[in-house]
Amino acid sequence: MIDITKEITNAVREYTNEVKEGIQEAQKDVSKETAMDLKRTSPKGDYKGGGAYAKGWRAKKTKRGYVVHNATKYQLTHLLEKGHAKRGGGRVPAYPHIGPAEDRAIDEYEKRVEKVIRG
C-alpha cells in the first residue's frame, strides 16, 4: 500500500527545491544582465580614464543573494545619479542611470520568479 502522506511530502519537497533553484538562477541572470545594462548606459566622461566608471559594474554573490555594484569608481555613483554642486558655484546636472536599470531589473526578476513558481 502506498503511503499518500509520504508521496505528498516528497512532491512538495521536490517542488520547493525546483522553485528555490529557479529563483537563485533568476537572481544570478538578472544581476548579470543589470551589470551589463549599466555598463552600456553609464556616462563615459570626457576626462582621462573616463570609461573606467562604466566598465566597473559587477554582479557579486553575497550571503543574501546577488548585488550589483561599481568596483572601480564607486565614489561617483551618487554624484552622477543625483548631480552635485560645482566648486565655483552652480550645479552639475544629474545623469540618472542606476534608477532606471534598477526598475528594469525588478520587473524582469518578478517576471522570472512568477514563471518559476508557475512551472
N, C-alpha and C. Protein backbone atom coordinates (compact mmCIF):
# COMPACT_ATOMS: atom_id res chain seq x y z
N MET A 1 0.84 -1.18 0.00
CA MET A 1 0.00 0.00 0.00
C MET A 1 0.89 1.25 0.00
N ILE A 2 0.54 2.23 -0.82
CA ILE A 2 1.30 3.46 -0.94
C ILE A 2 0.89 4.42 0.17
N ASP A 3 1.89 4.97 0.82
CA ASP A 3 1.62 5.95 1.88
C ASP A 3 1.45 7.32 1.23
N ILE A 4 0.21 7.78 1.17
CA ILE A 4 -0.11 9.03 0.49
C ILE A 4 0.58 10.23 1.13
N THR A 5 0.77 10.21 2.43
CA THR A 5 1.43 11.31 3.13
C THR A 5 2.87 11.46 2.66
N LYS A 6 3.59 10.34 2.54
CA LYS A 6 4.97 10.38 2.07
C LYS A 6 5.05 10.89 0.64
N GLU A 7 4.12 10.47 -0.20
CA GLU A 7 4.12 10.89 -1.60
C GLU A 7 3.88 12.40 -1.71
N ILE A 8 2.93 12.90 -0.94
CA ILE A 8 2.65 14.34 -0.96
C ILE A 8 3.85 15.12 -0.43
N THR A 9 4.44 14.63 0.65
CA THR A 9 5.61 15.30 1.23
C THR A 9 6.76 15.34 0.23
N ASN A 10 7.00 14.23 -0.44
CA ASN A 10 8.08 14.18 -1.45
C ASN A 10 7.80 15.12 -2.61
N ALA A 11 6.54 15.18 -3.06
CA ALA A 11 6.19 16.06 -4.17
C ALA A 11 6.39 17.53 -3.78
N VAL A 12 5.97 17.89 -2.58
CA VAL A 12 6.12 19.27 -2.12
C VAL A 12 7.61 19.61 -1.95
N ARG A 13 8.36 18.69 -1.42
CA ARG A 13 9.80 18.91 -1.23
C ARG A 13 10.50 19.10 -2.59
N GLU A 14 10.15 18.28 -3.56
CA GLU A 14 10.74 18.39 -4.89
C GLU A 14 10.37 19.72 -5.54
N TYR A 15 9.10 20.11 -5.42
CA TYR A 15 8.65 21.39 -5.97
C TYR A 15 9.38 22.55 -5.31
N THR A 16 9.53 22.49 -4.00
CA THR A 16 10.21 23.55 -3.25
C THR A 16 11.66 23.68 -3.71
N ASN A 17 12.35 22.57 -3.90
CA ASN A 17 13.74 22.61 -4.37
C ASN A 17 13.83 23.20 -5.78
N GLU A 18 12.89 22.83 -6.65
CA GLU A 18 12.90 23.37 -8.01
C GLU A 18 12.68 24.88 -8.00
N VAL A 19 11.75 25.34 -7.17
CA VAL A 19 11.48 26.77 -7.08
C VAL A 19 12.70 27.51 -6.52
N LYS A 20 13.31 26.94 -5.49
CA LYS A 20 14.49 27.57 -4.88
C LYS A 20 15.62 27.70 -5.90
N GLU A 21 15.87 26.64 -6.65
CA GLU A 21 16.93 26.67 -7.66
C GLU A 21 16.58 27.65 -8.78
N GLY A 22 15.33 27.68 -9.18
CA GLY A 22 14.90 28.60 -10.22
C GLY A 22 15.04 30.06 -9.81
N ILE A 23 14.71 30.36 -8.56
CA ILE A 23 14.84 31.72 -8.05
C ILE A 23 16.31 32.13 -7.97
N GLN A 24 17.16 31.23 -7.53
CA GLN A 24 18.59 31.53 -7.47
C GLN A 24 19.14 31.79 -8.87
N GLU A 25 18.70 31.01 -9.83
CA GLU A 25 19.15 31.19 -11.22
C GLU A 25 18.65 32.54 -11.76
N ALA A 26 17.41 32.90 -11.42
CA ALA A 26 16.87 34.19 -11.84
C ALA A 26 17.67 35.35 -11.23
N GLN A 27 18.02 35.23 -9.94
CA GLN A 27 18.84 36.27 -9.30
C GLN A 27 20.16 36.44 -10.03
N LYS A 28 20.80 35.33 -10.31
CA LYS A 28 22.11 35.37 -10.97
C LYS A 28 22.00 36.01 -12.36
N ASP A 29 21.04 35.56 -13.15
CA ASP A 29 20.89 36.06 -14.51
C ASP A 29 20.52 37.54 -14.53
N VAL A 30 19.55 37.94 -13.72
CA VAL A 30 19.11 39.33 -13.72
C VAL A 30 20.22 40.26 -13.22
N SER A 31 20.97 39.83 -12.22
CA SER A 31 22.06 40.69 -11.73
C SER A 31 23.14 40.86 -12.79
N LYS A 32 23.48 39.81 -13.51
CA LYS A 32 24.47 39.92 -14.58
C LYS A 32 23.96 40.81 -15.72
N GLU A 33 22.69 40.65 -16.07
CA GLU A 33 22.11 41.48 -17.12
C GLU A 33 22.07 42.95 -16.69
N THR A 34 21.80 43.21 -15.43
CA THR A 34 21.75 44.58 -14.93
C THR A 34 23.14 45.20 -14.96
N ALA A 35 24.16 44.44 -14.59
CA ALA A 35 25.53 44.96 -14.66
C ALA A 35 25.89 45.31 -16.10
N MET A 36 25.51 44.46 -17.04
CA MET A 36 25.79 44.75 -18.45
C MET A 36 25.01 45.97 -18.93
N ASP A 37 23.76 46.09 -18.49
CA ASP A 37 22.93 47.24 -18.83
C ASP A 37 23.58 48.54 -18.32
N LEU A 38 24.07 48.50 -17.08
CA LEU A 38 24.73 49.68 -16.51
C LEU A 38 26.03 50.00 -17.23
N LYS A 39 26.73 49.00 -17.69
CA LYS A 39 27.95 49.25 -18.47
C LYS A 39 27.62 50.01 -19.76
N ARG A 40 26.48 49.68 -20.36
CA ARG A 40 26.07 50.35 -21.59
C ARG A 40 25.54 51.76 -21.35
N THR A 41 24.77 51.95 -20.26
CA THR A 41 24.06 53.22 -20.06
C THR A 41 24.78 54.21 -19.17
N SER A 42 25.85 53.82 -18.52
CA SER A 42 26.58 54.73 -17.63
C SER A 42 27.32 55.79 -18.43
N PRO A 43 27.48 56.98 -17.86
CA PRO A 43 28.24 58.03 -18.56
C PRO A 43 29.70 57.62 -18.70
N LYS A 44 30.27 57.95 -19.84
CA LYS A 44 31.66 57.58 -20.12
C LYS A 44 32.63 58.66 -19.69
N GLY A 45 32.24 59.92 -19.75
CA GLY A 45 33.11 61.02 -19.30
C GLY A 45 34.13 61.41 -20.35
N ASP A 46 34.51 62.67 -20.33
CA ASP A 46 35.50 63.22 -21.27
C ASP A 46 36.84 63.43 -20.60
N TYR A 47 37.07 62.82 -19.49
CA TYR A 47 38.31 63.00 -18.76
C TYR A 47 39.18 61.75 -18.89
N LYS A 48 40.40 61.85 -18.44
CA LYS A 48 41.34 60.73 -18.53
C LYS A 48 40.76 59.52 -17.77
N GLY A 49 40.70 58.39 -18.41
CA GLY A 49 40.16 57.19 -17.78
C GLY A 49 38.64 57.25 -17.67
N GLY A 50 37.99 58.00 -18.54
CA GLY A 50 36.56 58.23 -18.45
C GLY A 50 35.70 56.99 -18.56
N GLY A 51 36.17 55.96 -19.21
CA GLY A 51 35.37 54.75 -19.35
C GLY A 51 35.48 53.81 -18.17
N ALA A 52 36.33 54.12 -17.21
CA ALA A 52 36.54 53.23 -16.05
C ALA A 52 35.27 53.09 -15.22
N TYR A 53 34.51 54.17 -15.09
CA TYR A 53 33.27 54.10 -14.32
C TYR A 53 32.30 53.13 -14.97
N ALA A 54 32.09 53.29 -16.26
CA ALA A 54 31.13 52.44 -16.97
C ALA A 54 31.59 50.98 -16.98
N LYS A 55 32.87 50.76 -17.09
CA LYS A 55 33.39 49.38 -17.13
C LYS A 55 33.41 48.72 -15.76
N GLY A 56 33.21 49.49 -14.70
CA GLY A 56 33.37 48.97 -13.35
C GLY A 56 32.19 48.23 -12.77
N TRP A 57 31.07 48.12 -13.48
CA TRP A 57 29.88 47.46 -12.91
C TRP A 57 30.07 45.96 -12.85
N ARG A 58 29.73 45.39 -11.69
CA ARG A 58 29.88 43.95 -11.44
C ARG A 58 28.65 43.41 -10.72
N ALA A 59 28.37 42.15 -10.95
CA ALA A 59 27.36 41.42 -10.18
C ALA A 59 28.13 40.51 -9.23
N LYS A 60 27.87 40.63 -7.94
CA LYS A 60 28.62 39.90 -6.93
C LYS A 60 27.67 39.08 -6.08
N LYS A 61 28.03 37.82 -5.85
CA LYS A 61 27.22 36.95 -5.00
C LYS A 61 27.59 37.20 -3.54
N THR A 62 26.56 37.36 -2.70
CA THR A 62 26.75 37.54 -1.27
C THR A 62 25.98 36.45 -0.54
N LYS A 63 26.01 36.49 0.77
CA LYS A 63 25.26 35.50 1.56
C LYS A 63 23.77 35.59 1.31
N ARG A 64 23.28 36.79 1.04
CA ARG A 64 21.84 37.02 0.90
C ARG A 64 21.36 37.01 -0.54
N GLY A 65 22.25 36.86 -1.50
CA GLY A 65 21.85 36.88 -2.90
C GLY A 65 22.91 37.56 -3.74
N TYR A 66 22.48 38.30 -4.74
CA TYR A 66 23.41 39.00 -5.63
C TYR A 66 23.27 40.50 -5.46
N VAL A 67 24.39 41.21 -5.63
CA VAL A 67 24.45 42.66 -5.54
C VAL A 67 25.15 43.17 -6.79
N VAL A 68 24.61 44.24 -7.37
CA VAL A 68 25.27 44.90 -8.49
C VAL A 68 25.93 46.15 -7.94
N HIS A 69 27.23 46.30 -8.18
CA HIS A 69 27.98 47.44 -7.63
C HIS A 69 29.04 47.87 -8.61
N ASN A 70 29.58 49.07 -8.38
CA ASN A 70 30.66 49.57 -9.20
C ASN A 70 31.97 49.32 -8.46
N ALA A 71 32.81 48.47 -9.01
CA ALA A 71 34.03 48.05 -8.34
C ALA A 71 35.19 49.03 -8.54
N THR A 72 35.11 49.90 -9.55
CA THR A 72 36.26 50.76 -9.84
C THR A 72 36.08 52.20 -9.37
N LYS A 73 34.94 52.79 -9.64
CA LYS A 73 34.71 54.21 -9.31
C LYS A 73 33.42 54.36 -8.51
N TYR A 74 33.30 53.60 -7.44
CA TYR A 74 32.07 53.59 -6.64
C TYR A 74 31.74 54.96 -6.06
N GLN A 75 32.74 55.82 -5.91
CA GLN A 75 32.52 57.14 -5.33
C GLN A 75 31.64 58.01 -6.23
N LEU A 76 31.61 57.70 -7.51
CA LEU A 76 30.89 58.54 -8.46
C LEU A 76 29.41 58.18 -8.59
N THR A 77 28.99 57.05 -8.07
CA THR A 77 27.62 56.60 -8.31
C THR A 77 26.60 57.62 -7.85
N HIS A 78 26.69 58.09 -6.63
CA HIS A 78 25.73 59.05 -6.11
C HIS A 78 25.86 60.40 -6.82
N LEU A 79 27.08 60.85 -7.06
CA LEU A 79 27.30 62.14 -7.70
C LEU A 79 26.71 62.17 -9.10
N LEU A 80 26.89 61.11 -9.86
CA LEU A 80 26.35 61.07 -11.21
C LEU A 80 24.85 60.85 -11.23
N GLU A 81 24.36 60.02 -10.36
CA GLU A 81 22.93 59.71 -10.32
C GLU A 81 22.10 60.91 -9.86
N LYS A 82 22.60 61.65 -8.88
CA LYS A 82 21.82 62.74 -8.27
C LYS A 82 22.27 64.14 -8.68
N GLY A 83 23.45 64.28 -9.27
CA GLY A 83 24.00 65.60 -9.55
C GLY A 83 24.72 66.12 -8.31
N HIS A 84 25.48 67.21 -8.46
CA HIS A 84 26.21 67.74 -7.31
C HIS A 84 26.60 69.19 -7.56
N ALA A 85 27.01 69.86 -6.50
CA ALA A 85 27.41 71.27 -6.59
C ALA A 85 28.81 71.38 -7.20
N LYS A 86 29.00 72.43 -7.98
CA LYS A 86 30.32 72.70 -8.54
C LYS A 86 31.15 73.47 -7.53
N ARG A 87 32.43 73.40 -7.68
CA ARG A 87 33.33 74.10 -6.78
C ARG A 87 33.12 75.61 -6.82
N GLY A 88 32.96 76.19 -8.01
CA GLY A 88 32.82 77.63 -8.15
C GLY A 88 31.38 78.12 -8.11
N GLY A 89 30.45 77.27 -7.77
CA GLY A 89 29.04 77.64 -7.74
C GLY A 89 28.28 76.97 -8.86
N GLY A 90 27.02 76.82 -8.68
CA GLY A 90 26.19 76.14 -9.68
C GLY A 90 26.12 74.64 -9.40
N ARG A 91 25.48 73.95 -10.31
CA ARG A 91 25.31 72.51 -10.12
C ARG A 91 25.65 71.75 -11.39
N VAL A 92 26.12 70.55 -11.20
CA VAL A 92 26.31 69.61 -12.30
C VAL A 92 25.01 68.83 -12.42
N PRO A 93 24.45 68.71 -13.62
CA PRO A 93 23.17 68.01 -13.75
C PRO A 93 23.29 66.52 -13.41
N ALA A 94 22.17 65.97 -12.97
CA ALA A 94 22.12 64.54 -12.66
C ALA A 94 22.10 63.74 -13.96
N TYR A 95 22.65 62.55 -13.90
CA TYR A 95 22.61 61.62 -15.02
C TYR A 95 22.02 60.31 -14.49
N PRO A 96 20.68 60.25 -14.40
CA PRO A 96 20.06 59.06 -13.82
C PRO A 96 20.25 57.84 -14.71
N HIS A 97 20.99 56.88 -14.22
CA HIS A 97 21.23 55.64 -14.96
C HIS A 97 21.05 54.42 -14.06
N ILE A 98 21.25 54.58 -12.77
CA ILE A 98 21.11 53.45 -11.85
C ILE A 98 19.63 53.17 -11.56
N GLY A 99 18.86 54.21 -11.31
CA GLY A 99 17.43 54.04 -11.01
C GLY A 99 16.67 53.33 -12.12
N PRO A 100 16.81 53.77 -13.38
CA PRO A 100 16.12 53.07 -14.46
C PRO A 100 16.57 51.62 -14.63
N ALA A 101 17.86 51.36 -14.45
CA ALA A 101 18.35 49.98 -14.54
C ALA A 101 17.79 49.13 -13.41
N GLU A 102 17.68 49.73 -12.22
CA GLU A 102 17.09 49.01 -11.09
C GLU A 102 15.62 48.68 -11.35
N ASP A 103 14.87 49.63 -11.90
CA ASP A 103 13.46 49.39 -12.21
C ASP A 103 13.30 48.26 -13.23
N ARG A 104 14.14 48.27 -14.27
CA ARG A 104 14.09 47.18 -15.27
C ARG A 104 14.44 45.85 -14.63
N ALA A 105 15.43 45.84 -13.75
CA ALA A 105 15.84 44.60 -13.09
C ALA A 105 14.73 44.05 -12.20
N ILE A 106 14.05 44.92 -11.47
CA ILE A 106 12.96 44.48 -10.60
C ILE A 106 11.84 43.86 -11.42
N ASP A 107 11.46 44.52 -12.51
CA ASP A 107 10.40 43.99 -13.37
C ASP A 107 10.78 42.63 -13.95
N GLU A 108 12.00 42.52 -14.44
CA GLU A 108 12.46 41.26 -15.04
C GLU A 108 12.53 40.15 -14.00
N TYR A 109 13.02 40.46 -12.81
CA TYR A 109 13.12 39.47 -11.73
C TYR A 109 11.73 38.97 -11.34
N GLU A 110 10.79 39.88 -11.20
CA GLU A 110 9.42 39.49 -10.85
C GLU A 110 8.83 38.55 -11.90
N LYS A 111 9.04 38.87 -13.19
CA LYS A 111 8.54 38.01 -14.26
C LYS A 111 9.14 36.62 -14.19
N ARG A 112 10.44 36.56 -13.95
CA ARG A 112 11.11 35.26 -13.93
C ARG A 112 10.70 34.44 -12.70
N VAL A 113 10.52 35.09 -11.57
CA VAL A 113 10.09 34.37 -10.36
C VAL A 113 8.68 33.82 -10.56
N GLU A 114 7.80 34.63 -11.13
CA GLU A 114 6.44 34.15 -11.39
C GLU A 114 6.46 32.95 -12.33
N LYS A 115 7.32 33.01 -13.34
CA LYS A 115 7.43 31.90 -14.30
C LYS A 115 7.93 30.63 -13.61
N VAL A 116 8.90 30.79 -12.71
CA VAL A 116 9.44 29.64 -11.98
C VAL A 116 8.36 29.03 -11.08
N ILE A 117 7.63 29.87 -10.39
CA ILE A 117 6.61 29.37 -9.45
C ILE A 117 5.48 28.65 -10.20
N ARG A 118 5.09 29.19 -11.34
CA ARG A 118 4.02 28.57 -12.11
C ARG A 118 4.46 27.31 -12.84
N GLY A 119 5.77 27.14 -12.97
CA GLY A 119 6.30 25.94 -13.60
C GLY A 119 6.43 26.10 -15.02
